[in-house]
Amino acid sequence: MVRNDESEPVCVSVRTAAKMLGVSRNTAYAMVRLKQLPTIRCGQRRLVVPLPALRKMLGQAGTSEDNSNSR
């Protein structure tokens, strides 16, 4: 986990992102392969998800659900 000066993570693991999105780890990695989940490669194997991008996804998901319920 990469942190900024304010001790808040800048990036989280794919596993943590999966928990935040409410999907399985396998689904999160499938989203990475389909380029639906933005990642940064650290070294040859490690993938991390930028927290601002993840929060943006979560915000958009909440907005689309709100719009679909209002019809």
Protein backbone atom coordinates (compact mmCIF):
# COMPACT_ATOMS: atom_id res chain seq x y z
CA MET A 1 0.00 0.00 0.00
CA VAL A 2 1.47 3.37 -1.04
CA ARG A 3 0.77 6.28 1.31
CA ASN A 4 0.90 10.05 0.94
CA ASP A 5 2.04 12.53 3.62
CA GLU A 6 -1.36 12.51 5.33
CA SER A 7 -1.08 8.76 6.10
CA GLU A 8 -3.92 7.91 3.71
CA PRO A 9 -3.18 5.27 1.07
CA VAL A 10 -2.68 6.56 -2.45
CA CYS A 11 -3.06 3.09 -3.94
CA VAL A 12 -4.57 -0.15 -2.70
CA SER A 13 -4.15 -3.77 -3.72
CA VAL A 14 -6.52 -5.38 -6.19
CA ARG A 15 -7.83 -7.54 -3.32
CA THR A 16 -8.66 -4.43 -1.25
CA ALA A 17 -10.26 -2.76 -4.26
CA ALA A 18 -12.40 -5.87 -4.73
CA LYS A 19 -13.62 -5.61 -1.14
CA MET A 20 -14.43 -1.92 -1.61
CA LEU A 21 -16.36 -2.69 -4.81
CA GLY A 22 -18.16 -5.65 -3.24
CA VAL A 23 -16.89 -8.16 -5.80
CA SER A 24 -14.70 -11.24 -5.55
CA ARG A 25 -10.95 -11.14 -6.04
CA ASN A 26 -11.33 -13.10 -9.30
CA THR A 27 -13.90 -10.62 -10.59
CA ALA A 28 -11.58 -7.73 -9.75
CA TYR A 29 -8.73 -9.33 -11.70
CA ALA A 30 -11.13 -9.92 -14.60
CA MET A 31 -12.01 -6.22 -14.46
CA VAL A 32 -8.28 -5.43 -14.62
CA ARG A 33 -7.88 -7.64 -17.72
CA LEU A 34 -10.89 -5.95 -19.36
CA LYS A 35 -9.48 -2.50 -18.46
CA GLN A 36 -12.55 -1.75 -16.33
CA LEU A 37 -10.42 -1.27 -13.21
CA PRO A 38 -7.45 1.08 -13.53
CA THR A 39 -4.14 -0.24 -12.19
CA ILE A 40 -0.50 0.70 -11.94
CA ARG A 41 2.15 -2.00 -12.24
CA CYS A 42 4.83 -1.90 -9.54
CA GLY A 43 7.70 -4.14 -10.60
CA GLN A 44 6.97 -7.19 -12.70
CA ARG A 45 4.09 -8.71 -10.73
CA ARG A 46 2.46 -6.28 -8.30
CA LEU A 47 -0.62 -4.35 -9.41
CA VAL A 48 -2.10 -1.52 -7.36
CA VAL A 49 -5.28 0.48 -7.88
CA PRO A 50 -5.12 4.27 -7.46
CA LEU A 51 -7.55 5.23 -4.71
CA PRO A 52 -8.84 8.41 -6.42
CA ALA A 53 -9.80 6.37 -9.53
CA LEU A 54 -11.50 3.76 -7.35
CA ARG A 55 -13.45 6.42 -5.45
CA LYS A 56 -14.51 7.94 -8.76
CA MET A 57 -15.82 4.53 -9.89
CA LEU A 58 -17.72 4.10 -6.62
CA GLY A 59 -19.22 7.59 -6.95
CA GLN A 60 -20.34 6.95 -10.52
CA ALA A 61 -21.88 3.61 -9.53
CA GLY A 62 -23.93 5.30 -6.82
CA THR A 63 -25.09 7.97 -9.25
CA SER A 64 -26.21 5.47 -11.90
CA GLU A 65 -28.15 3.43 -9.32
CA ASP A 66 -29.87 6.57 -8.06
CA ASN A 67 -30.90 7.51 -11.59
CA SER A 68 -32.28 4.05 -12.39
CA ASN A 69 -34.45 4.02 -9.27
CA SER A 70 -36.05 7.38 -10.08
CA ARG A 71 -37.76 6.13 -13.28
